[in-house]
Structures are given as C-alpha cells and as structure tokens.
Amino acid sequence: MAEIQRPLDALNASKEKRVLLELKNGTKFGGVLKAFDIHINIVLAEAEQLVNGEVKRKLGTVFIRGDTITLITSGEK
C-alpha cells in the first residue's frame, strides 16, 4: 500500500473499494468509490442509502457534493 501523506492520498487508496459516507444531515450512503475531485465531490457506484445500518434503498450511481460530506470511511455498513 502506498504511503499516505495528504488527505487526497487516502481517497485515492480507496478508489474502486467500498466506502461509507455520512452527510451533514445524518444521511449515510455506502458504495464503490469511482471518482472524486479536489472539492471532495464524489461519485459512488452501486450506491445504497443506509438507515440504522440497513439498506433503505438502492440508488445505482450517484454524485455527492463534497461540501455535504462530514465522514468518509472504508468498508460498508
């Protein structure tokens, strides 16, 4: 695994892997990280909205604005 020296390095290491996002309003999404930019705008494939750790609905591919994200973690649920 490459050494992580900057925040975007951590995101780069997570590309094509499952991640969990939490938004400012408390909504959680899981999915495969496909792309991101310097504003942390994120594209997830196979995205699912999660409520209490359970899948509420499947969304497919989604774009999430970086300024709405409070947490990004590897793994799912």
N, C-alpha and C. Protein backbone atom coordinates (compact mmCIF):
# COMPACT_ATOMS: atom_id res chain seq x y z
N MET A 1 0.84 -1.18 0.00
CA MET A 1 0.00 0.00 0.00
C MET A 1 0.88 1.24 0.00
N ALA A 2 0.50 2.22 -0.79
CA ALA A 2 1.28 3.45 -0.90
C ALA A 2 1.18 4.25 0.40
N GLU A 3 2.23 4.99 0.68
CA GLU A 3 2.24 5.83 1.87
C GLU A 3 1.26 6.99 1.70
N ILE A 4 0.51 7.27 2.76
CA ILE A 4 -0.46 8.35 2.72
C ILE A 4 0.14 9.58 3.39
N GLN A 5 0.33 10.64 2.60
CA GLN A 5 0.91 11.86 3.13
C GLN A 5 -0.07 13.02 3.12
N ARG A 6 -1.08 12.94 2.27
CA ARG A 6 -2.08 14.01 2.16
C ARG A 6 -3.47 13.40 2.19
N PRO A 7 -4.49 14.17 2.58
CA PRO A 7 -5.85 13.63 2.65
C PRO A 7 -6.33 12.98 1.35
N LEU A 8 -6.03 13.60 0.22
CA LEU A 8 -6.49 13.02 -1.04
C LEU A 8 -5.79 11.70 -1.35
N ASP A 9 -4.61 11.46 -0.76
CA ASP A 9 -3.94 10.16 -0.92
C ASP A 9 -4.80 9.05 -0.33
N ALA A 10 -5.45 9.33 0.79
CA ALA A 10 -6.32 8.33 1.43
C ALA A 10 -7.51 8.01 0.53
N LEU A 11 -8.09 9.04 -0.08
CA LEU A 11 -9.19 8.79 -1.01
C LEU A 11 -8.71 8.01 -2.23
N ASN A 12 -7.55 8.37 -2.73
CA ASN A 12 -7.00 7.67 -3.89
C ASN A 12 -6.81 6.19 -3.59
N ALA A 13 -6.37 5.87 -2.38
CA ALA A 13 -6.17 4.48 -1.97
C ALA A 13 -7.49 3.72 -1.87
N SER A 14 -8.59 4.46 -1.74
CA SER A 14 -9.91 3.83 -1.60
C SER A 14 -10.68 3.72 -2.91
N LYS A 15 -10.11 4.22 -4.01
CA LYS A 15 -10.80 4.11 -5.30
C LYS A 15 -11.03 2.64 -5.64
N GLU A 16 -12.21 2.40 -6.19
CA GLU A 16 -12.66 1.05 -6.58
C GLU A 16 -12.91 0.14 -5.37
N LYS A 17 -12.98 0.72 -4.18
CA LYS A 17 -13.31 -0.04 -2.97
C LYS A 17 -14.59 0.52 -2.37
N ARG A 18 -15.21 -0.27 -1.52
CA ARG A 18 -16.45 0.18 -0.86
C ARG A 18 -16.11 1.19 0.22
N VAL A 19 -16.90 2.25 0.27
CA VAL A 19 -16.75 3.28 1.29
C VAL A 19 -18.12 3.59 1.89
N LEU A 20 -18.10 4.21 3.05
CA LEU A 20 -19.31 4.67 3.71
C LEU A 20 -19.17 6.17 3.88
N LEU A 21 -20.19 6.93 3.47
CA LEU A 21 -20.21 8.38 3.62
C LEU A 21 -21.31 8.77 4.58
N GLU A 22 -21.03 9.77 5.41
CA GLU A 22 -22.08 10.36 6.23
C GLU A 22 -22.16 11.83 5.87
N LEU A 23 -23.38 12.32 5.67
CA LEU A 23 -23.60 13.70 5.28
C LEU A 23 -23.94 14.56 6.49
N LYS A 24 -23.89 15.87 6.32
CA LYS A 24 -24.19 16.82 7.40
C LYS A 24 -25.56 16.59 8.01
N ASN A 25 -26.52 16.14 7.20
CA ASN A 25 -27.88 15.91 7.71
C ASN A 25 -28.05 14.53 8.35
N GLY A 26 -26.96 13.75 8.45
CA GLY A 26 -27.01 12.44 9.09
C GLY A 26 -27.27 11.29 8.14
N THR A 27 -27.60 11.57 6.89
CA THR A 27 -27.84 10.52 5.90
C THR A 27 -26.54 9.77 5.63
N LYS A 28 -26.64 8.45 5.48
CA LYS A 28 -25.46 7.63 5.20
C LYS A 28 -25.64 6.91 3.87
N PHE A 29 -24.53 6.83 3.13
CA PHE A 29 -24.52 6.12 1.86
C PHE A 29 -23.32 5.19 1.82
N GLY A 30 -23.50 4.00 1.28
CA GLY A 30 -22.41 3.08 1.03
C GLY A 30 -22.33 2.84 -0.47
N GLY A 31 -21.12 2.56 -0.95
CA GLY A 31 -20.97 2.28 -2.37
C GLY A 31 -19.51 2.17 -2.74
N VAL A 32 -19.27 1.92 -4.01
CA VAL A 32 -17.91 1.80 -4.54
C VAL A 32 -17.44 3.18 -5.01
N LEU A 33 -16.33 3.65 -4.45
CA LEU A 33 -15.78 4.95 -4.82
C LEU A 33 -15.21 4.88 -6.23
N LYS A 34 -15.82 5.61 -7.14
CA LYS A 34 -15.38 5.60 -8.53
C LYS A 34 -14.52 6.81 -8.86
N ALA A 35 -14.88 7.99 -8.33
CA ALA A 35 -14.14 9.20 -8.67
C ALA A 35 -14.36 10.26 -7.61
N PHE A 36 -13.42 11.23 -7.55
CA PHE A 36 -13.53 12.38 -6.66
C PHE A 36 -12.68 13.50 -7.24
N ASP A 37 -12.91 14.71 -6.75
CA ASP A 37 -12.09 15.84 -7.19
C ASP A 37 -11.54 16.58 -5.98
N ILE A 38 -10.88 17.72 -6.21
CA ILE A 38 -10.25 18.43 -5.10
C ILE A 38 -11.25 19.04 -4.13
N HIS A 39 -12.52 19.11 -4.53
CA HIS A 39 -13.58 19.61 -3.64
C HIS A 39 -14.24 18.48 -2.87
N ILE A 40 -13.73 17.28 -3.04
CA ILE A 40 -14.25 16.05 -2.44
C ILE A 40 -15.65 15.73 -2.95
N ASN A 41 -16.03 16.28 -4.11
CA ASN A 41 -17.23 15.79 -4.79
C ASN A 41 -16.93 14.33 -5.13
N ILE A 42 -17.91 13.47 -4.90
CA ILE A 42 -17.66 12.03 -5.01
C ILE A 42 -18.70 11.36 -5.90
N VAL A 43 -18.23 10.40 -6.69
CA VAL A 43 -19.12 9.53 -7.46
C VAL A 43 -19.03 8.14 -6.86
N LEU A 44 -20.19 7.61 -6.47
CA LEU A 44 -20.28 6.24 -5.95
C LEU A 44 -21.07 5.39 -6.93
N ALA A 45 -20.59 4.18 -7.17
CA ALA A 45 -21.34 3.19 -7.95
C ALA A 45 -21.96 2.21 -6.96
N GLU A 46 -23.01 1.53 -7.38
CA GLU A 46 -23.70 0.55 -6.52
C GLU A 46 -24.08 1.19 -5.18
N ALA A 47 -24.47 2.47 -5.23
CA ALA A 47 -24.77 3.22 -4.01
C ALA A 47 -26.06 2.75 -3.35
N GLU A 48 -26.04 2.77 -2.03
CA GLU A 48 -27.20 2.42 -1.22
C GLU A 48 -27.34 3.44 -0.11
N GLN A 49 -28.57 3.85 0.16
CA GLN A 49 -28.82 4.69 1.32
C GLN A 49 -29.03 3.77 2.51
N LEU A 50 -28.37 4.10 3.62
CA LEU A 50 -28.43 3.25 4.81
C LEU A 50 -29.16 3.98 5.93
N VAL A 51 -30.00 3.24 6.65
CA VAL A 51 -30.68 3.76 7.84
C VAL A 51 -30.50 2.72 8.93
N ASN A 52 -29.91 3.13 10.05
CA ASN A 52 -29.61 2.21 11.16
C ASN A 52 -28.83 0.99 10.69
N GLY A 53 -27.91 1.20 9.76
CA GLY A 53 -27.06 0.13 9.26
C GLY A 53 -27.71 -0.80 8.26
N GLU A 54 -28.97 -0.56 7.94
CA GLU A 54 -29.69 -1.41 6.99
C GLU A 54 -29.92 -0.65 5.68
N VAL A 55 -29.92 -1.36 4.58
CA VAL A 55 -30.16 -0.74 3.28
C VAL A 55 -31.61 -0.28 3.20
N LYS A 56 -31.80 1.04 3.00
CA LYS A 56 -33.14 1.58 2.84
C LYS A 56 -33.56 1.55 1.38
N ARG A 57 -32.60 1.94 0.49
CA ARG A 57 -32.89 1.87 -0.94
C ARG A 57 -31.60 1.83 -1.74
N LYS A 58 -31.67 1.17 -2.87
CA LYS A 58 -30.54 1.06 -3.79
C LYS A 58 -30.66 2.19 -4.81
N LEU A 59 -29.53 2.87 -5.07
CA LEU A 59 -29.57 4.06 -5.90
C LEU A 59 -28.77 3.95 -7.20
N GLY A 60 -27.91 2.97 -7.34
CA GLY A 60 -27.07 2.87 -8.53
C GLY A 60 -25.89 3.81 -8.43
N THR A 61 -25.63 4.59 -9.48
CA THR A 61 -24.52 5.54 -9.50
C THR A 61 -25.03 6.90 -9.05
N VAL A 62 -24.31 7.51 -8.09
CA VAL A 62 -24.71 8.82 -7.56
C VAL A 62 -23.51 9.76 -7.50
N PHE A 63 -23.81 11.05 -7.55
CA PHE A 63 -22.83 12.12 -7.37
C PHE A 63 -23.20 12.81 -6.07
N ILE A 64 -22.23 12.95 -5.16
CA ILE A 64 -22.48 13.61 -3.87
C ILE A 64 -21.55 14.80 -3.74
N ARG A 65 -22.11 15.96 -3.48
CA ARG A 65 -21.32 17.18 -3.33
C ARG A 65 -20.44 17.10 -2.09
N GLY A 66 -19.19 17.47 -2.28
CA GLY A 66 -18.22 17.39 -1.20
C GLY A 66 -18.55 18.24 0.01
N ASP A 67 -19.21 19.39 -0.19
CA ASP A 67 -19.49 20.26 0.95
C ASP A 67 -20.62 19.73 1.83
N THR A 68 -21.24 18.60 1.46
CA THR A 68 -22.28 17.99 2.29
C THR A 68 -21.73 16.82 3.12
N ILE A 69 -20.50 16.40 2.85
CA ILE A 69 -19.93 15.20 3.48
C ILE A 69 -19.19 15.56 4.77
N THR A 70 -19.49 14.81 5.84
CA THR A 70 -18.77 15.01 7.10
C THR A 70 -17.83 13.85 7.42
N LEU A 71 -18.08 12.67 6.84
CA LEU A 71 -17.26 11.50 7.16
C LEU A 71 -17.17 10.58 5.95
N ILE A 72 -15.98 10.09 5.71
CA ILE A 72 -15.75 9.07 4.68
C ILE A 72 -14.91 7.98 5.35
N THR A 73 -15.39 6.75 5.28
CA THR A 73 -14.66 5.64 5.88
C THR A 73 -14.67 4.46 4.93
N SER A 74 -13.64 3.64 5.01
CA SER A 74 -13.62 2.44 4.17
C SER A 74 -14.50 1.39 4.81
N GLY A 75 -15.01 0.50 3.98
CA GLY A 75 -15.90 -0.54 4.48
C GLY A 75 -17.34 -0.16 4.22
N GLU A 76 -18.23 -0.97 4.71
CA GLU A 76 -19.65 -0.77 4.45
C GLU A 76 -20.43 -1.07 5.71
N LYS A 77 -21.53 -0.34 5.86
CA LYS A 77 -22.47 -0.52 6.95
C LYS A 77 -21.76 -0.38 8.25
